[in-house]
Amino acid sequence: IMTTTEQVIHSFYELKNPEILKKLYAPCPTSRDIHPSHWDLMFSFWPSAIQEMCRKHNTVAISLAQVRKWFQKDGLMPLGLDTIFNQQEYQQKFIHISNFQSKSSSVGGFMWKMVSSSVSWGFSKLTAAETETKAKDGKYIIVDLLKERTEQLEAKLNSIPVNVMLMNEVSTIASQIPTDELNLSLILLQKNGKLCIFETEDHVEGVRQGAKIATDQDRSILQIKHVSSTLDKQQVKLEEEIATCKKKATEMIKDKQKSRALGFIKRKKQLETCLNQKMDISLQLHSLLISIDTAQTNRQVLDAQKAGAGTLAELNNSLADAEEVIASVQYAIDDHNEIDAVINNAHASISDADEAELDKELELMMLEDLDNLSIHSSPAKKDIPLPVISTEKTELKNEDEKKDVIINKQEKVALHAQ
């Protein structure tokens, strides 16, 4: 059966070649300029191999000593890991834990604040580190693995319909994450504004989702949940003691020791009374939390309705504004129609004098057309003198005279054609 280390090593094709394996376990060049092919081989294998090993061991923080121990094989010890770690740290793919967190007394021993001047989540630099050749002691955080785990934790927390949680509740939700490394993901979530870590005056630690700062209401809720959780634990302990007293009383009865059996029965009754009291208090606290949650929801609904009403009022303005807008639009339309009418009349209007002149020109064109028709329509007949039609310009006083002239011309044309 292959060990975890052997599974990881054999998953890389390069290690099937003994010569390549030897180069990978040899010291790493301090710069790519010294031996480019060896440098590329080392960095194509070790960062990926370390990440894969961390996945197998469910961790995102490792030390140089631990990695050496993982990859010790057949008496071989990887000698180039110092350079690998330094270069990964320089490219900000590894972050030493001292640069990621520092103890903060303001929130007990749990909370760690970010050292922003030392931490950057930007793109990796491509040049080689020119500083230390020996890696630091202590653990290094693998950035990609931490981000991946933090995203998974965020998804789980978002699936819980509760904003304020005790730290032990968070630990239960993230039970697959080692306790000491859960802090790292919570710090990263806080840095990204996804939640805030806070505590009460009694140093009860908790988490508030979806907020950067915890309010006094959040602290009150956390305190109530802490007391309720404590009562739940006490109830479990009381139930166990009651069961024990009942069992011992039964044994005493079998042994004919009635006085001792009576003592256990009295003890059981006292415990049951205490249990009932704690259960009543616990029920009251749970009801209080439900009432607070309902009040918060109602507050959010009212705020949303208030915001919606304000937005609707801004969009609708007022009735007077609406009437004024409609009147302005109608006024603009009327102006447009008047301007359009003036332009059309200017192009379409023709004076009476112009119309009379056009009629006279039409009359002359009709006479010319009749002359042409008479010439081409009767070539075999003798020439018959046509009546002389005066072409002298005559003024027509009205429309009836115009019609008589046209009818007379048509009769003359018909007579001539015969």
Protein backbone atom coordinates (compact mmCIF):
# COMPACT_ATOMS: atom_id res chain seq x y z
CA ILE A 1 0.00 0.00 0.00
CA MET A 2 1.44 3.35 -1.08
CA THR A 3 1.78 6.11 1.50
CA THR A 4 0.44 9.62 0.96
CA THR A 5 3.90 10.88 0.03
CA GLU A 6 4.43 8.09 -2.50
CA GLN A 7 1.01 8.78 -4.04
CA VAL A 8 1.91 12.41 -4.53
CA ILE A 9 5.38 11.69 -5.85
CA HIS A 10 4.19 9.03 -8.28
CA SER A 11 1.43 11.31 -9.56
CA PHE A 12 4.13 13.40 -11.26
CA TYR A 13 5.46 11.99 -14.49
CA GLU A 14 8.92 13.51 -13.97
CA LEU A 15 9.66 11.34 -10.95
CA LYS A 16 9.44 8.14 -12.98
CA ASN A 17 12.87 9.02 -14.32
CA PRO A 18 15.65 8.38 -11.73
CA GLU A 19 17.88 11.06 -13.26
CA ILE A 20 15.16 13.70 -12.93
CA LEU A 21 14.41 12.56 -9.38
CA LYS A 22 18.07 13.05 -8.52
CA LYS A 23 18.03 16.61 -9.89
CA LEU A 24 14.85 17.45 -7.99
CA TYR A 25 16.44 16.41 -4.69
CA ALA A 26 19.67 18.28 -5.44
CA PRO A 27 20.29 21.85 -4.22
CA CYS A 28 18.40 24.47 -6.23
CA PRO A 29 20.29 27.24 -8.04
CA THR A 30 19.91 30.58 -6.26
CA SER A 31 19.09 32.23 -9.58
CA ARG A 32 17.68 31.10 -12.91
CA ASP A 33 20.62 32.70 -14.68
CA ILE A 34 22.95 30.12 -13.15
CA HIS A 35 21.18 27.03 -14.52
CA PRO A 36 17.90 27.79 -16.36
CA SER A 37 16.88 24.18 -17.09
CA HIS A 38 17.50 23.02 -13.50
CA TRP A 39 15.68 26.07 -12.14
CA ASP A 40 12.65 25.45 -14.37
CA LEU A 41 12.55 21.77 -13.41
CA MET A 42 12.58 22.58 -9.70
CA PHE A 43 9.80 25.16 -9.94
CA SER A 44 7.65 23.08 -12.24
CA PHE A 45 7.58 20.31 -9.61
CA TRP A 46 8.01 21.46 -6.02
CA PRO A 47 5.28 24.16 -5.67
CA SER A 48 2.69 21.79 -7.17
CA ALA A 49 3.92 18.82 -5.16
CA ILE A 50 3.78 20.81 -1.90
CA GLN A 51 0.24 21.98 -2.63
CA GLU A 52 -0.87 18.44 -3.44
CA MET A 53 0.63 17.14 -0.23
CA CYS A 54 -1.14 19.88 1.75
CA ARG A 55 -4.44 18.82 0.20
CA LYS A 56 -3.81 15.23 1.24
CA HIS A 57 -3.11 16.35 4.81
CA ASN A 58 -5.97 18.89 4.89
CA THR A 59 -3.79 21.88 5.75
CA VAL A 60 -2.98 25.28 4.28
CA ALA A 61 -0.03 26.12 6.52
CA ILE A 62 3.20 24.17 6.49
CA SER A 63 6.77 24.55 7.70
CA LEU A 64 9.94 23.82 5.81
CA ALA A 65 10.79 21.05 8.27
CA GLN A 66 7.42 19.39 7.72
CA VAL A 67 7.82 19.44 3.92
CA ARG A 68 11.29 17.92 4.22
CA LYS A 69 9.87 15.18 6.39
CA TRP A 70 7.04 14.55 3.94
CA PHE A 71 9.31 14.14 0.94
CA GLN A 72 12.14 12.20 2.55
CA LYS A 73 12.41 9.11 0.37
CA ASP A 74 14.88 6.24 0.24
CA GLY A 75 17.42 8.18 2.25
CA LEU A 76 17.06 11.22 -0.01
CA MET A 77 16.30 14.62 1.51
CA PRO A 78 15.21 17.50 -0.78
CA LEU A 79 18.01 20.03 -0.49
CA GLY A 80 16.61 22.88 -2.56
CA LEU A 81 13.48 23.70 -0.55
CA ASP A 82 14.96 26.84 1.03
CA THR A 83 15.18 28.48 -2.37
CA ILE A 84 11.73 27.20 -3.32
CA PHE A 85 10.16 28.68 -0.19
CA ASN A 86 11.97 32.01 -0.52
CA GLN A 87 10.99 32.38 -4.16
CA GLN A 88 7.34 31.44 -3.49
CA GLU A 89 7.25 33.97 -0.67
CA TYR A 90 8.78 36.64 -2.91
CA GLN A 91 6.09 35.95 -5.51
CA GLN A 92 3.49 36.14 -2.72
CA LYS A 93 2.29 32.60 -3.31
CA PHE A 94 3.52 31.66 0.17
CA ILE A 95 3.11 34.06 3.09
CA HIS A 96 4.99 33.56 6.32
CA ILE A 97 2.57 33.42 9.20
CA SER A 98 4.37 36.25 10.99
CA ASN A 99 3.46 38.55 8.10
CA PHE A 100 -0.14 37.39 8.03
CA GLN A 101 -1.19 37.68 11.62
CA SER A 102 -0.19 39.22 14.91
CA LYS A 103 -1.65 38.74 18.33
CA SER A 104 -4.15 41.39 19.40
CA SER A 105 -5.01 41.80 23.07
CA SER A 106 -8.15 43.84 22.22
CA VAL A 107 -10.15 40.74 21.44
CA GLY A 108 -8.67 38.11 23.68
CA GLY A 109 -6.42 35.40 22.37
CA PHE A 110 -8.47 34.45 19.38
CA MET A 111 -8.68 37.44 17.09
CA TRP A 112 -5.71 38.28 14.88
CA LYS A 113 -5.47 41.50 12.94
CA MET A 114 -4.11 41.76 9.43
CA VAL A 115 -0.70 43.31 8.94
CA SER A 116 -1.65 45.12 5.75
CA SER A 117 1.79 46.53 5.13
CA SER A 118 3.18 43.02 4.89
CA VAL A 119 0.35 41.27 3.06
CA SER A 120 -0.60 41.72 -0.56
CA TRP A 121 -2.93 39.58 -2.64
CA GLY A 122 -1.86 40.96 -6.00
CA PHE A 123 -0.24 39.26 -8.95
CA SER A 124 3.02 37.44 -8.46
CA LYS A 125 6.29 39.05 -9.35
CA LEU A 126 8.25 37.26 -12.01
CA THR A 127 11.79 38.08 -10.97
CA ALA A 128 13.84 36.00 -8.58
CA ALA A 129 14.26 36.97 -4.95
CA GLU A 130 17.62 38.44 -4.15
CA THR A 131 17.37 38.40 -0.36
CA GLU A 132 17.74 35.44 1.99
CA THR A 133 18.91 32.04 0.83
CA LYS A 134 17.60 30.28 3.94
CA ALA A 135 13.87 30.02 4.60
CA LYS A 136 12.42 31.35 7.84
CA ASP A 137 11.44 29.12 10.70
CA GLY A 138 7.77 28.66 11.41
CA LYS A 139 4.85 28.04 9.11
CA TYR A 140 4.09 29.39 5.67
CA ILE A 141 0.54 29.89 4.39
CA ILE A 142 -0.17 28.71 0.86
CA VAL A 143 -2.28 31.53 -0.51
CA ASP A 144 -4.21 29.62 -3.19
CA LEU A 145 -5.22 26.88 -0.76
CA LEU A 146 -6.30 29.40 1.87
CA LYS A 147 -8.45 31.26 -0.65
CA GLU A 148 -10.00 28.01 -1.82
CA ARG A 149 -10.83 26.90 1.71
CA THR A 150 -12.15 30.34 2.65
CA GLU A 151 -14.57 30.30 -0.29
CA GLN A 152 -15.90 26.93 0.87
CA LEU A 153 -16.32 28.22 4.43
CA GLU A 154 -18.12 31.34 3.20
CA ALA A 155 -20.58 29.22 1.21
CA LYS A 156 -21.37 27.13 4.30
CA LEU A 157 -21.84 30.16 6.54
CA ASN A 158 -24.11 31.80 3.97
CA SER A 159 -26.31 28.70 3.98
CA ILE A 160 -27.07 29.30 7.67
CA PRO A 161 -30.00 31.75 8.11
CA VAL A 162 -28.37 33.31 11.18
CA ASN A 163 -26.31 36.50 11.23
CA VAL A 164 -24.79 36.30 14.73
CA MET A 165 -23.09 33.05 15.73
CA LEU A 166 -21.01 31.87 18.63
CA MET A 167 -17.49 30.81 17.76
CA ASN A 168 -18.22 27.22 18.74
CA GLU A 169 -21.15 27.26 16.31
CA VAL A 170 -18.79 28.35 13.54
CA SER A 171 -16.38 25.57 14.54
CA THR A 172 -19.19 23.04 14.30
CA ILE A 173 -20.16 24.28 10.83
CA ALA A 174 -16.52 24.12 9.73
CA SER A 175 -15.72 20.87 11.48
CA GLN A 176 -13.57 19.68 8.57
CA ILE A 177 -11.15 22.58 9.07
CA PRO A 178 -8.47 22.26 11.76
CA THR A 179 -9.26 24.62 14.64
CA ASP A 180 -5.95 26.48 14.47
CA GLU A 181 -6.38 27.09 10.73
CA LEU A 182 -10.05 28.12 10.94
CA ASN A 183 -8.82 31.43 12.30
CA LEU A 184 -6.93 32.11 9.07
CA SER A 185 -10.06 31.78 6.93
CA LEU A 186 -12.07 33.95 9.32
CA ILE A 187 -9.40 36.63 9.20
CA LEU A 188 -9.46 36.60 5.41
CA LEU A 189 -13.26 36.84 5.36
CA GLN A 190 -13.06 39.77 7.74
CA LYS A 191 -10.42 41.43 5.59
CA ASN A 192 -12.73 41.11 2.58
CA GLY A 193 -15.66 42.61 4.49
CA LYS A 194 -17.72 39.41 4.51
CA LEU A 195 -18.01 39.25 8.31
CA CYS A 196 -16.58 40.67 11.51
CA ILE A 197 -15.21 38.88 14.54
CA PHE A 198 -16.13 40.47 17.87
CA GLU A 199 -16.67 39.70 21.53
CA THR A 200 -18.88 40.77 24.42
CA GLU A 201 -17.81 42.40 27.66
CA ASP A 202 -17.61 38.91 29.16
CA HIS A 203 -15.13 37.95 26.40
CA VAL A 204 -17.62 35.77 24.56
CA GLU A 205 -16.33 35.47 21.00
CA GLY A 206 -18.61 35.43 18.00
CA VAL A 207 -19.05 36.23 14.33
CA ARG A 208 -21.39 38.69 12.62
CA GLN A 209 -22.06 37.89 8.97
CA GLY A 210 -22.61 40.53 6.31
CA ALA A 211 -21.21 43.42 8.36
CA LYS A 212 -17.84 45.03 8.93
CA ILE A 213 -18.66 46.24 12.46
CA ALA A 214 -20.72 44.57 15.18
CA THR A 215 -23.43 46.63 16.85
CA ASP A 216 -24.62 46.65 20.46
CA GLN A 217 -27.61 44.59 19.31
CA ASP A 218 -25.22 41.98 17.93
CA ARG A 219 -23.40 41.83 21.27
CA SER A 220 -26.69 41.45 23.14
CA ILE A 221 -27.76 38.63 20.85
CA LEU A 222 -24.40 36.93 21.26
CA GLN A 223 -24.65 37.18 25.05
CA ILE A 224 -28.15 35.67 25.02
CA LYS A 225 -27.00 32.84 22.77
CA HIS A 226 -24.03 32.20 25.04
CA VAL A 227 -26.27 31.94 28.14
CA SER A 228 -28.72 29.74 26.25
CA SER A 229 -25.89 27.48 25.10
CA THR A 230 -24.60 27.23 28.66
CA LEU A 231 -28.07 26.27 29.90
CA ASP A 232 -28.36 23.60 27.21
CA LYS A 233 -25.12 22.05 28.38
CA GLN A 234 -26.28 22.16 31.99
CA GLN A 235 -29.54 20.47 31.04
CA VAL A 236 -27.67 17.63 29.38
CA LYS A 237 -25.56 17.18 32.51
CA LEU A 238 -28.66 17.26 34.77
CA GLU A 239 -30.40 14.66 32.63
CA GLU A 240 -27.37 12.39 32.96
CA GLU A 241 -27.34 12.84 36.76
CA ILE A 242 -31.08 12.16 36.96
CA ALA A 243 -30.63 8.96 35.00
CA THR A 244 -27.79 7.95 37.32
CA CYS A 245 -29.88 8.61 40.48
CA LYS A 246 -32.75 6.61 39.06
CA LYS A 247 -30.44 3.70 38.26
CA LYS A 248 -28.87 3.71 41.73
CA ALA A 249 -32.28 3.95 43.44
CA THR A 250 -33.37 0.89 41.51
CA GLU A 251 -30.24 -0.99 42.61
CA MET A 252 -30.80 -0.03 46.27
CA ILE A 253 -34.37 -1.29 46.10
CA LYS A 254 -33.14 -4.63 44.78
CA ASP A 255 -30.64 -4.78 47.64
CA LYS A 256 -33.41 -4.02 50.16
CA GLN A 257 -31.72 -0.74 51.12
CA LYS A 258 -34.84 1.42 51.18
CA SER A 259 -33.31 4.37 53.04
CA ARG A 260 -30.53 4.77 50.52
CA ALA A 261 -32.98 4.25 47.68
CA LEU A 262 -35.14 7.01 49.15
CA GLY A 263 -32.11 9.31 49.24
CA PHE A 264 -31.44 8.79 45.54
CA ILE A 265 -35.10 9.38 44.76
CA LYS A 266 -35.04 12.69 46.66
CA ARG A 267 -31.86 13.66 44.85
CA LYS A 268 -33.52 12.82 41.56
CA LYS A 269 -36.53 15.01 42.39
CA GLN A 270 -34.28 17.94 43.25
CA LEU A 271 -32.41 17.54 39.99
CA GLU A 272 -35.67 17.32 38.05
CA THR A 273 -36.86 20.56 39.67
CA CYS A 274 -33.59 22.27 38.74
CA LEU A 275 -33.83 20.87 35.23
CA ASN A 276 -37.35 22.19 34.79
CA GLN A 277 -36.26 25.64 35.94
CA LYS A 278 -33.37 25.71 33.52
CA MET A 279 -35.60 24.46 30.73
CA ASP A 280 -38.07 27.28 31.42
CA ILE A 281 -35.29 29.87 31.36
CA SER A 282 -33.84 28.37 28.21
CA LEU A 283 -37.27 28.46 26.56
CA GLN A 284 -37.66 32.12 27.50
CA LEU A 285 -34.29 32.95 26.00
CA HIS A 286 -35.09 31.10 22.79
CA SER A 287 -38.40 32.99 22.59
CA LEU A 288 -36.52 36.24 23.17
CA LEU A 289 -34.13 35.46 20.30
CA ILE A 290 -37.08 34.70 18.03
CA SER A 291 -38.73 37.99 19.02
CA ILE A 292 -35.51 39.90 18.35
CA ASP A 293 -35.12 38.23 14.97
CA THR A 294 -38.75 39.05 14.11
CA ALA A 295 -38.26 42.66 15.19
CA GLN A 296 -35.13 42.94 13.05
CA THR A 297 -36.98 41.50 10.07
CA ASN A 298 -39.87 43.91 10.60
CA ARG A 299 -37.39 46.77 10.81
CA GLN A 300 -35.82 45.74 7.54
CA VAL A 301 -39.25 45.50 5.92
CA LEU A 302 -40.21 48.96 7.16
CA ASP A 303 -36.91 50.42 5.96
CA ALA A 304 -37.42 48.82 2.57
CA GLN A 305 -40.98 50.13 2.34
CA LYS A 306 -39.85 53.60 3.37
CA ALA A 307 -37.12 53.60 0.77
CA GLY A 308 -39.56 52.33 -1.85
CA ALA A 309 -42.10 55.03 -1.00
CA GLY A 310 -39.46 57.72 -1.28
CA THR A 311 -38.30 56.40 -4.62
CA LEU A 312 -41.88 56.22 -5.91
CA ALA A 313 -42.54 59.80 -4.77
CA GLU A 314 -39.43 61.03 -6.57
CA LEU A 315 -40.48 59.26 -9.75
CA ASN A 316 -44.09 60.47 -9.67
CA ASN A 317 -43.29 64.01 -8.46
CA SER A 318 -46.72 65.67 -7.95
CA LEU A 319 -50.01 66.12 -9.81
CA ALA A 320 -49.25 69.77 -10.46
CA ASP A 321 -45.90 68.85 -11.99
CA ALA A 322 -47.61 66.25 -14.17
CA GLU A 323 -50.23 68.75 -15.39
CA GLU A 324 -47.54 71.31 -16.10
CA VAL A 325 -45.53 68.78 -18.11
CA ILE A 326 -48.59 67.73 -20.14
CA ALA A 327 -49.51 71.41 -20.82
CA SER A 328 -45.96 72.14 -21.95
CA VAL A 329 -46.05 69.19 -24.32
CA GLN A 330 -49.39 70.31 -25.82
CA TYR A 331 -48.10 73.87 -26.19
CA ALA A 332 -45.05 72.61 -28.05
CA ILE A 333 -47.25 70.48 -30.36
CA ASP A 334 -49.49 73.49 -31.17
CA ASP A 335 -46.46 75.62 -31.98
CA HIS A 336 -45.17 72.91 -34.26
CA ASN A 337 -48.52 72.64 -36.11
CA GLU A 338 -48.69 76.42 -36.66
CA ILE A 339 -45.15 76.55 -38.02
CA ASP A 340 -45.87 73.58 -40.29
CA ALA A 341 -49.02 75.26 -41.66
CA VAL A 342 -47.17 78.48 -42.46
CA ILE A 343 -44.46 76.61 -44.32
CA ASN A 344 -46.99 74.58 -46.36
CA ASN A 345 -49.07 77.66 -47.30
CA ALA A 346 -45.97 79.50 -48.40
CA HIS A 347 -45.17 76.74 -50.90
CA ALA A 348 -48.74 75.94 -52.03
CA SER A 349 -50.31 79.44 -52.49
CA ILE A 350 -50.74 80.67 -56.12
CA SER A 351 -52.21 84.08 -56.96
CA ASP A 352 -55.27 84.54 -59.21
CA ALA A 353 -53.13 86.25 -61.87
CA ASP A 354 -50.81 83.27 -62.04
CA GLU A 355 -53.78 80.91 -62.42
CA ALA A 356 -55.24 82.94 -65.34
CA GLU A 357 -51.93 82.92 -67.17
CA LEU A 358 -51.69 79.15 -66.79
CA ASP A 359 -55.20 78.71 -68.29
CA LYS A 360 -54.27 80.79 -71.32
CA GLU A 361 -51.17 78.72 -71.93
CA LEU A 362 -53.28 75.55 -71.69
CA GLU A 363 -55.69 76.93 -74.31
CA LEU A 364 -52.92 77.67 -76.82
CA MET A 365 -51.44 74.18 -76.38
CA MET A 366 -54.85 72.59 -77.07
CA LEU A 367 -55.27 74.61 -80.31
CA GLU A 368 -51.86 73.56 -81.53
CA ASP A 369 -52.73 69.97 -80.80
CA LEU A 370 -55.96 70.26 -82.84
CA ASP A 371 -54.09 71.65 -85.84
CA ASN A 372 -51.71 68.71 -85.82
CA LEU A 373 -54.58 66.25 -85.54
CA SER A 374 -56.46 67.69 -88.57
CA ILE A 375 -53.41 67.54 -90.81
CA HIS A 376 -52.65 63.84 -90.13
CA SER A 377 -56.20 62.49 -89.93
CA SER A 378 -57.61 63.38 -93.51
CA PRO A 379 -54.86 63.07 -96.21
CA ALA A 380 -57.31 62.06 -99.14
CA LYS A 381 -59.82 64.84 -98.78
CA LYS A 382 -59.62 68.21 -100.28
CA ASP A 383 -58.37 70.93 -98.22
CA ILE A 384 -61.24 72.64 -96.54
CA PRO A 385 -60.49 75.94 -95.17
CA LEU A 386 -60.70 75.96 -91.45
CA PRO A 387 -62.50 78.64 -89.68
CA VAL A 388 -60.22 81.26 -88.43
CA ILE A 389 -59.82 81.08 -84.74
CA SER A 390 -58.57 84.16 -83.19
CA THR A 391 -55.49 83.69 -81.09
CA GLU A 392 -55.77 87.08 -79.72
CA LYS A 393 -55.48 87.09 -76.01
CA THR A 394 -58.86 87.45 -74.31
CA GLU A 395 -59.51 87.90 -70.70
CA LEU A 396 -62.01 85.46 -69.22
CA LYS A 397 -64.01 86.93 -66.45
CA ASN A 398 -65.24 83.80 -64.79
CA GLU A 399 -65.22 80.01 -64.85
CA ASP A 400 -68.41 79.71 -67.00
CA GLU A 401 -66.80 81.59 -69.87
CA LYS A 402 -63.79 79.25 -69.72
CA LYS A 403 -66.06 76.22 -70.08
CA ASP A 404 -67.96 77.75 -73.11
CA VAL A 405 -64.73 78.36 -74.93
CA ILE A 406 -63.57 74.79 -74.51
CA ILE A 407 -66.95 73.35 -75.67
CA ASN A 408 -66.98 75.55 -78.81
CA LYS A 409 -63.48 74.41 -79.69
CA GLN A 410 -64.45 70.77 -79.40
CA GLU A 411 -67.50 71.26 -81.71
CA LYS A 412 -65.37 72.94 -84.33
CA VAL A 413 -62.89 70.09 -84.26
CA ALA A 414 -65.69 67.52 -84.77
CA LEU A 415 -67.21 69.46 -87.68
CA HIS A 416 -63.86 69.76 -89.38
CA ALA A 417 -63.22 66.05 -89.07
CA GLN A 418 -66.43 65.29 -90.99
